[in-house]
Amino acid sequence: MTQTPTDPPFARVKIRVAALVFCGDDVALIRRDRPHGAHYSTIGGNVEGPEPLPNALARELEEELGLDLGDATAPELLWVMDQRVSRPGPTPPPRKMHLVYRLHVTPAVRTKLRTEEHDELPDGSVDVGTIEWVDYRKTGDLHLYPPVGPHLAALDTPRAAIADAALAAITDANFTWR
């Protein structure tokens, strides 16, 4: 079912898988420079149709980083976030459920991963993002999507246990698009 401009906001729910790929204390993020500053995002994207979640995560890791899941630790579901955020464009925004996974790679694997991510836009052009490895403790102030930076920066270590996977909802009150 395709969403039309007459549908109410958040009439559809999409599931987005996201990956926090660690190498030591660094985490891989996609950086895109925008007129109002840098915009970072986690590795990931929307689940396509009836695609199983593990398949969606593996596909996104391959598409964006060139990472084969066999070269990383087993994905661990870290956080879940509900999103209801307005956005620019002609179609009403969907509601999204973000499933944020944590994985670890070795320095040898990291050297083989992509350094750019190419996102095809509706007009056929390509938006190029740079893969940046950022010390996880420095993510708290980044404009990051989904906005997990403060939670990420608060971890004692990259492998720290998480007591509660449910994070506060993403709304217009706490997130704006750049």
Protein backbone atom coordinates (compact mmCIF):
# COMPACT_ATOMS: atom_id res chain seq x y z
CA MET A 1 0.00 0.00 0.00
CA THR A 2 1.43 3.35 -1.05
CA GLN A 3 0.99 6.35 1.19
CA THR A 4 -0.67 9.35 -0.46
CA PRO A 5 -0.61 13.05 0.48
CA THR A 6 -4.18 12.72 1.82
CA ASP A 7 -3.31 10.01 4.37
CA PRO A 8 -3.06 11.25 7.96
CA PRO A 9 0.41 11.53 9.51
CA PHE A 10 1.72 8.29 11.03
CA ALA A 11 -1.00 6.18 9.34
CA ARG A 12 1.68 3.63 8.37
CA VAL A 13 4.28 1.97 10.56
CA LYS A 14 7.72 1.17 9.19
CA ILE A 15 10.38 -0.84 10.96
CA ARG A 16 13.97 0.39 10.68
CA VAL A 17 16.96 -1.71 11.64
CA ALA A 18 20.01 0.22 12.82
CA ALA A 19 23.49 -1.01 13.62
CA LEU A 20 26.06 0.41 16.00
CA VAL A 21 29.19 -1.24 14.63
CA PHE A 22 32.06 -0.94 17.11
CA CYS A 23 35.78 -1.38 16.61
CA GLY A 24 37.28 -0.88 20.04
CA ASP A 25 35.92 2.43 21.37
CA ASP A 26 34.96 3.72 17.90
CA VAL A 27 31.53 3.35 16.34
CA ALA A 28 30.77 3.64 12.60
CA LEU A 29 28.38 6.47 11.69
CA ILE A 30 27.36 8.01 8.39
CA ARG A 31 28.05 11.75 8.17
CA ARG A 32 26.23 13.97 5.71
CA ASP A 33 27.01 17.68 5.57
CA ARG A 34 23.88 19.81 5.45
CA PRO A 35 23.37 23.59 5.25
CA HIS A 36 22.64 23.72 9.01
CA GLY A 37 25.52 21.43 10.01
CA ALA A 38 26.54 17.82 9.96
CA HIS A 39 23.87 15.14 10.20
CA TYR A 40 24.93 11.69 11.39
CA SER A 41 23.01 8.47 11.11
CA THR A 42 23.50 4.94 12.24
CA ILE A 43 24.12 2.24 9.67
CA GLY A 44 20.72 0.87 8.70
CA GLY A 45 17.44 1.34 6.93
CA ASN A 46 13.85 0.26 6.54
CA VAL A 47 12.80 -3.37 6.53
CA GLU A 48 11.46 -4.20 3.07
CA GLY A 49 8.00 -5.83 3.02
CA PRO A 50 7.93 -9.21 4.75
CA GLU A 51 11.74 -9.32 5.03
CA PRO A 52 12.89 -11.07 8.25
CA LEU A 53 14.69 -8.68 10.63
CA PRO A 54 18.04 -10.57 10.55
CA ASN A 55 17.98 -10.44 6.75
CA ALA A 56 17.21 -6.71 6.76
CA LEU A 57 20.08 -6.03 9.15
CA ALA A 58 22.50 -8.15 7.08
CA ARG A 59 21.37 -6.39 3.87
CA GLU A 60 21.84 -2.91 5.33
CA LEU A 61 25.28 -3.76 6.73
CA GLU A 62 26.36 -5.07 3.33
CA GLU A 63 24.85 -2.16 1.38
CA GLU A 64 26.22 0.62 3.56
CA LEU A 65 29.48 -0.75 5.01
CA GLY A 66 30.29 -3.76 2.87
CA LEU A 67 30.17 -5.80 6.09
CA ASP A 68 29.34 -9.49 6.02
CA LEU A 69 27.68 -10.54 9.28
CA GLY A 70 30.10 -13.47 9.48
CA ASP A 71 32.90 -10.93 10.04
CA ALA A 72 31.29 -9.41 13.15
CA THR A 73 30.03 -10.52 16.53
CA ALA A 74 26.41 -11.70 16.66
CA PRO A 75 24.02 -8.72 16.55
CA GLU A 76 22.61 -7.82 19.96
CA LEU A 77 19.37 -5.83 20.19
CA LEU A 78 20.37 -2.82 22.27
CA TRP A 79 17.53 -0.29 22.06
CA VAL A 80 14.04 0.20 20.64
CA MET A 81 12.67 3.65 19.78
CA ASP A 82 9.24 4.74 18.55
CA GLN A 83 9.33 7.66 16.10
CA ARG A 84 6.57 10.12 15.29
CA VAL A 85 8.36 13.07 13.69
CA SER A 86 7.17 15.53 11.05
CA ARG A 87 9.41 15.81 8.02
CA PRO A 88 9.58 17.83 4.82
CA GLY A 89 8.02 16.46 1.67
CA PRO A 90 4.66 15.84 0.01
CA THR A 91 3.71 12.59 1.78
CA PRO A 92 2.72 12.33 5.44
CA PRO A 93 5.45 10.94 7.68
CA PRO A 94 5.25 7.30 8.70
CA ARG A 95 5.56 6.15 12.25
CA LYS A 96 8.81 4.20 12.65
CA MET A 97 10.02 1.63 15.09
CA HIS A 98 13.82 1.69 15.32
CA LEU A 99 15.52 -1.54 16.36
CA VAL A 100 19.10 -0.62 17.27
CA TYR A 101 21.59 -3.49 17.27
CA ARG A 102 25.19 -3.60 18.53
CA LEU A 103 27.99 -5.50 16.76
CA HIS A 104 31.77 -5.53 17.07
CA VAL A 105 34.45 -5.93 14.40
CA THR A 106 38.20 -6.33 14.59
CA PRO A 107 40.66 -3.71 13.32
CA ALA A 108 41.50 -6.03 10.42
CA VAL A 109 37.83 -6.16 9.35
CA ARG A 110 37.48 -2.39 9.78
CA THR A 111 40.22 -1.75 7.21
CA LYS A 112 38.15 -3.60 4.58
CA LEU A 113 34.92 -1.65 5.13
CA ARG A 114 33.59 1.11 2.91
CA THR A 115 34.44 4.74 3.60
CA GLU A 116 31.42 6.19 1.75
CA GLU A 117 27.72 5.38 1.65
CA HIS A 118 25.68 6.21 -1.46
CA ASP A 119 21.98 6.88 -0.96
CA GLU A 120 19.91 7.08 -4.13
CA LEU A 121 17.40 9.94 -4.08
CA PRO A 122 13.93 9.90 -5.71
CA ASP A 123 15.17 12.12 -8.57
CA GLY A 124 17.88 9.58 -9.45
CA SER A 125 20.76 11.58 -7.98
CA VAL A 126 22.98 10.22 -5.23
CA ASP A 127 23.60 11.64 -1.76
CA VAL A 128 27.09 10.61 -0.64
CA GLY A 129 27.76 10.14 3.04
CA THR A 130 31.14 9.61 4.68
CA ILE A 131 31.63 6.70 7.05
CA GLU A 132 33.22 8.16 10.16
CA TRP A 133 34.53 6.17 13.09
CA VAL A 134 33.74 8.22 16.20
CA ASP A 135 34.71 7.52 19.80
CA TYR A 136 31.36 6.42 21.24
CA ARG A 137 31.84 8.68 24.28
CA LYS A 138 31.78 11.72 21.94
CA THR A 139 28.40 10.98 20.33
CA GLY A 140 26.26 12.74 22.94
CA ASP A 141 26.27 16.10 21.17
CA LEU A 142 26.07 14.87 17.57
CA HIS A 143 22.94 15.43 15.51
CA LEU A 144 22.38 11.68 15.17
CA TYR A 145 19.49 9.71 13.68
CA PRO A 146 18.00 7.94 15.45
CA PRO A 147 18.98 10.13 18.42
CA VAL A 148 20.82 7.53 20.48
CA GLY A 149 23.96 9.66 20.98
CA PRO A 150 23.41 10.54 24.66
CA HIS A 151 22.62 6.91 25.50
CA LEU A 152 25.62 5.70 23.53
CA ALA A 153 27.95 8.22 25.19
CA ALA A 154 26.67 7.15 28.62
CA LEU A 155 27.79 3.53 28.20
CA ASP A 156 30.61 2.55 30.55
CA THR A 157 32.19 0.46 27.79
CA PRO A 158 31.20 -0.51 24.23
CA ARG A 159 30.07 -3.89 25.58
CA ALA A 160 28.22 -2.60 28.66
CA ALA A 161 25.01 -4.38 29.62
CA ILE A 162 21.77 -2.48 29.07
CA ALA A 163 19.09 -2.57 31.75
CA ASP A 164 16.20 -1.25 29.66
CA ALA A 165 16.02 -1.47 25.87
CA ALA A 166 13.07 0.92 25.54
CA LEU A 167 14.18 4.50 24.90
CA ALA A 168 11.96 7.59 24.90
CA ALA A 169 9.96 8.21 21.74
CA ILE A 170 11.39 10.40 18.98
CA THR A 171 9.03 13.34 18.46
CA ASP A 172 9.05 16.86 17.05
CA ALA A 173 9.83 18.05 20.59
CA ASN A 174 13.23 16.28 20.68
CA PHE A 175 14.28 15.88 17.03
CA THR A 176 14.36 18.02 13.89
CA TRP A 177 15.56 17.10 10.40
CA ARG A 178 18.60 18.85 8.96
